Amino acid sequence: MFITQPAITKNIHELENELGSRLFSRIGNRIYLTDEDLVLLEYAEKLFGLQLRLEDDLNSFKKKSDRFF
């Protein structure tokens, strides 16, 4: 993944502002997941799984339609 640390930090802050919640607890140089972050992670995993299923389903349709042309 080619993204700089400042860009990651900016994206995290933007997401925290959008959600109105802190996603990480920062103590010194360490970062800990908050309860809110664990909920976000759960939904992100579900969305990623749905995206993979969608791509598989669409590829199946494409393969079927390729046989007719």
N, C-alpha and C. Protein backbone atom coordinates (compact mmCIF):
# COMPACT_ATOMS: atom_id res chain seq x y z
N MET A 1 0.86 -1.17 0.00
CA MET A 1 0.00 0.00 0.00
C MET A 1 0.90 1.22 0.00
N PHE A 2 0.67 2.12 -0.92
CA PHE A 2 1.50 3.30 -1.06
C PHE A 2 0.73 4.53 -0.60
N ILE A 3 0.76 4.76 0.71
CA ILE A 3 0.10 5.93 1.30
C ILE A 3 0.97 6.41 2.45
N THR A 4 1.08 7.69 2.59
CA THR A 4 1.95 8.23 3.62
C THR A 4 1.23 8.25 4.97
N GLN A 5 2.00 8.28 6.03
CA GLN A 5 1.45 8.31 7.38
C GLN A 5 0.59 9.56 7.60
N PRO A 6 1.02 10.76 7.14
CA PRO A 6 0.16 11.93 7.31
C PRO A 6 -1.19 11.78 6.59
N ALA A 7 -1.19 11.12 5.45
CA ALA A 7 -2.45 10.90 4.72
C ALA A 7 -3.37 9.97 5.49
N ILE A 8 -2.80 8.94 6.10
CA ILE A 8 -3.60 8.02 6.92
C ILE A 8 -4.19 8.76 8.11
N THR A 9 -3.36 9.55 8.78
CA THR A 9 -3.83 10.33 9.94
C THR A 9 -4.95 11.27 9.54
N LYS A 10 -4.80 11.94 8.40
CA LYS A 10 -5.84 12.86 7.92
C LYS A 10 -7.14 12.12 7.67
N ASN A 11 -7.06 10.95 7.03
CA ASN A 11 -8.26 10.16 6.75
C ASN A 11 -8.93 9.68 8.03
N ILE A 12 -8.14 9.30 9.01
CA ILE A 12 -8.70 8.87 10.30
C ILE A 12 -9.43 10.02 10.96
N HIS A 13 -8.81 11.19 10.99
CA HIS A 13 -9.45 12.36 11.60
C HIS A 13 -10.74 12.74 10.87
N GLU A 14 -10.72 12.67 9.55
CA GLU A 14 -11.93 12.97 8.78
C GLU A 14 -13.05 11.98 9.10
N LEU A 15 -12.72 10.70 9.21
CA LEU A 15 -13.72 9.69 9.54
C LEU A 15 -14.24 9.90 10.95
N GLU A 16 -13.35 10.22 11.89
CA GLU A 16 -13.79 10.49 13.26
C GLU A 16 -14.73 11.68 13.30
N ASN A 17 -14.42 12.73 12.54
CA ASN A 17 -15.29 13.91 12.49
C ASN A 17 -16.64 13.57 11.88
N GLU A 18 -16.62 12.80 10.80
CA GLU A 18 -17.87 12.42 10.14
C GLU A 18 -18.76 11.58 11.05
N LEU A 19 -18.14 10.64 11.78
CA LEU A 19 -18.91 9.76 12.66
C LEU A 19 -19.22 10.40 14.02
N GLY A 20 -18.50 11.48 14.34
CA GLY A 20 -18.71 12.14 15.62
C GLY A 20 -18.22 11.31 16.79
N SER A 21 -17.18 10.53 16.56
CA SER A 21 -16.70 9.63 17.59
C SER A 21 -15.21 9.38 17.41
N ARG A 22 -14.51 9.24 18.53
CA ARG A 22 -13.09 8.88 18.47
C ARG A 22 -13.00 7.40 18.17
N LEU A 23 -12.18 7.05 17.21
CA LEU A 23 -12.04 5.65 16.83
C LEU A 23 -10.86 4.98 17.51
N PHE A 24 -9.90 5.78 17.93
CA PHE A 24 -8.73 5.24 18.59
C PHE A 24 -8.45 6.01 19.86
N SER A 25 -7.99 5.30 20.85
CA SER A 25 -7.53 5.92 22.07
C SER A 25 -6.01 6.02 21.97
N ARG A 26 -5.51 7.23 22.04
CA ARG A 26 -4.07 7.45 21.89
C ARG A 26 -3.47 7.72 23.27
N ILE A 27 -2.56 6.86 23.67
CA ILE A 27 -1.86 7.03 24.94
C ILE A 27 -0.37 6.98 24.64
N GLY A 28 0.27 8.14 24.71
CA GLY A 28 1.68 8.22 24.34
C GLY A 28 1.84 7.89 22.88
N ASN A 29 2.73 6.98 22.58
CA ASN A 29 2.96 6.55 21.20
C ASN A 29 2.14 5.33 20.82
N ARG A 30 1.25 4.91 21.70
CA ARG A 30 0.44 3.71 21.44
C ARG A 30 -0.99 4.10 21.06
N ILE A 31 -1.58 3.25 20.24
CA ILE A 31 -2.96 3.45 19.82
C ILE A 31 -3.75 2.21 20.19
N TYR A 32 -4.91 2.41 20.80
CA TYR A 32 -5.79 1.32 21.21
C TYR A 32 -7.14 1.49 20.53
N LEU A 33 -7.77 0.37 20.22
CA LEU A 33 -9.11 0.41 19.64
C LEU A 33 -10.12 0.79 20.71
N THR A 34 -11.07 1.64 20.33
CA THR A 34 -12.18 1.97 21.23
C THR A 34 -13.33 1.02 20.94
N ASP A 35 -14.35 1.06 21.78
CA ASP A 35 -15.54 0.24 21.53
C ASP A 35 -16.18 0.63 20.19
N GLU A 36 -16.19 1.94 19.90
CA GLU A 36 -16.75 2.41 18.64
C GLU A 36 -15.96 1.86 17.46
N ASP A 37 -14.65 1.78 17.62
CA ASP A 37 -13.80 1.27 16.55
C ASP A 37 -14.09 -0.21 16.29
N LEU A 38 -14.34 -0.95 17.32
CA LEU A 38 -14.66 -2.37 17.16
C LEU A 38 -15.97 -2.56 16.40
N VAL A 39 -16.94 -1.68 16.65
CA VAL A 39 -18.21 -1.74 15.91
C VAL A 39 -17.96 -1.39 14.44
N LEU A 40 -17.17 -0.34 14.19
CA LEU A 40 -16.83 0.04 12.83
C LEU A 40 -16.12 -1.10 12.11
N LEU A 41 -15.20 -1.75 12.78
CA LEU A 41 -14.46 -2.87 12.19
C LEU A 41 -15.41 -4.00 11.81
N GLU A 42 -16.36 -4.29 12.67
CA GLU A 42 -17.34 -5.35 12.38
C GLU A 42 -18.12 -5.04 11.10
N TYR A 43 -18.60 -3.79 10.98
CA TYR A 43 -19.34 -3.41 9.78
C TYR A 43 -18.45 -3.38 8.55
N ALA A 44 -17.22 -2.92 8.69
CA ALA A 44 -16.29 -2.87 7.56
C ALA A 44 -16.02 -4.28 7.03
N GLU A 45 -15.85 -5.23 7.93
CA GLU A 45 -15.63 -6.62 7.51
C GLU A 45 -16.83 -7.17 6.76
N LYS A 46 -18.04 -6.84 7.25
CA LYS A 46 -19.26 -7.29 6.57
C LYS A 46 -19.36 -6.66 5.18
N LEU A 47 -19.07 -5.35 5.09
CA LEU A 47 -19.14 -4.67 3.80
C LEU A 47 -18.11 -5.22 2.82
N PHE A 48 -16.92 -5.51 3.30
CA PHE A 48 -15.88 -6.07 2.44
C PHE A 48 -16.31 -7.44 1.92
N GLY A 49 -16.90 -8.24 2.79
CA GLY A 49 -17.40 -9.55 2.38
C GLY A 49 -18.50 -9.44 1.34
N LEU A 50 -19.40 -8.47 1.53
CA LEU A 50 -20.47 -8.25 0.54
C LEU A 50 -19.90 -7.79 -0.79
N GLN A 51 -18.87 -6.95 -0.75
CA GLN A 51 -18.25 -6.50 -1.98
C GLN A 51 -17.65 -7.68 -2.75
N LEU A 52 -16.98 -8.57 -2.04
CA LEU A 52 -16.39 -9.74 -2.68
C LEU A 52 -17.47 -10.63 -3.30
N ARG A 53 -18.57 -10.82 -2.57
CA ARG A 53 -19.68 -11.63 -3.10
C ARG A 53 -20.28 -10.99 -4.34
N LEU A 54 -20.45 -9.66 -4.30
CA LEU A 54 -21.00 -8.94 -5.44
C LEU A 54 -20.11 -9.12 -6.66
N GLU A 55 -18.81 -8.95 -6.46
CA GLU A 55 -17.88 -9.11 -7.58
C GLU A 55 -17.94 -10.53 -8.15
N ASP A 56 -18.02 -11.53 -7.27
CA ASP A 56 -18.13 -12.92 -7.73
C ASP A 56 -19.41 -13.14 -8.53
N ASP A 57 -20.52 -12.62 -7.99
CA ASP A 57 -21.81 -12.78 -8.69
C ASP A 57 -21.80 -12.09 -10.05
N LEU A 58 -21.26 -10.88 -10.10
CA LEU A 58 -21.21 -10.16 -11.38
C LEU A 58 -20.30 -10.87 -12.37
N ASN A 59 -19.19 -11.41 -11.89
CA ASN A 59 -18.30 -12.16 -12.77
C ASN A 59 -18.98 -13.42 -13.29
N SER A 60 -19.82 -14.04 -12.48
CA SER A 60 -20.56 -15.22 -12.94
C SER A 60 -21.50 -14.86 -14.08
N PHE A 61 -22.18 -13.72 -13.95
CA PHE A 61 -23.06 -13.27 -15.03
C PHE A 61 -22.27 -12.98 -16.29
N LYS A 62 -21.12 -12.34 -16.12
CA LYS A 62 -20.29 -12.01 -17.28
C LYS A 62 -19.84 -13.28 -17.99
N LYS A 63 -19.44 -14.28 -17.25
CA LYS A 63 -19.00 -15.54 -17.85
C LYS A 63 -20.13 -16.21 -18.62
N LYS A 64 -21.35 -16.14 -18.05
CA LYS A 64 -22.51 -16.74 -18.71
C LYS A 64 -22.83 -15.99 -20.00
N SER A 65 -22.79 -14.66 -19.94
CA SER A 65 -23.14 -13.86 -21.14
C SER A 65 -22.06 -13.99 -22.21
N ASP A 66 -20.80 -14.21 -21.83
CA ASP A 66 -19.72 -14.38 -22.81
C ASP A 66 -19.94 -15.64 -23.65
N ARG A 67 -20.61 -16.63 -23.10
CA ARG A 67 -20.85 -17.90 -23.82
C ARG A 67 -21.86 -17.69 -24.95
N PHE A 68 -22.71 -16.67 -24.85
CA PHE A 68 -23.76 -16.46 -25.85
C PHE A 68 -23.33 -15.54 -26.97
N PHE A 69 -22.19 -14.91 -26.86
CA PHE A 69 -21.77 -13.95 -27.90
C PHE A 69 -20.55 -14.42 -28.61
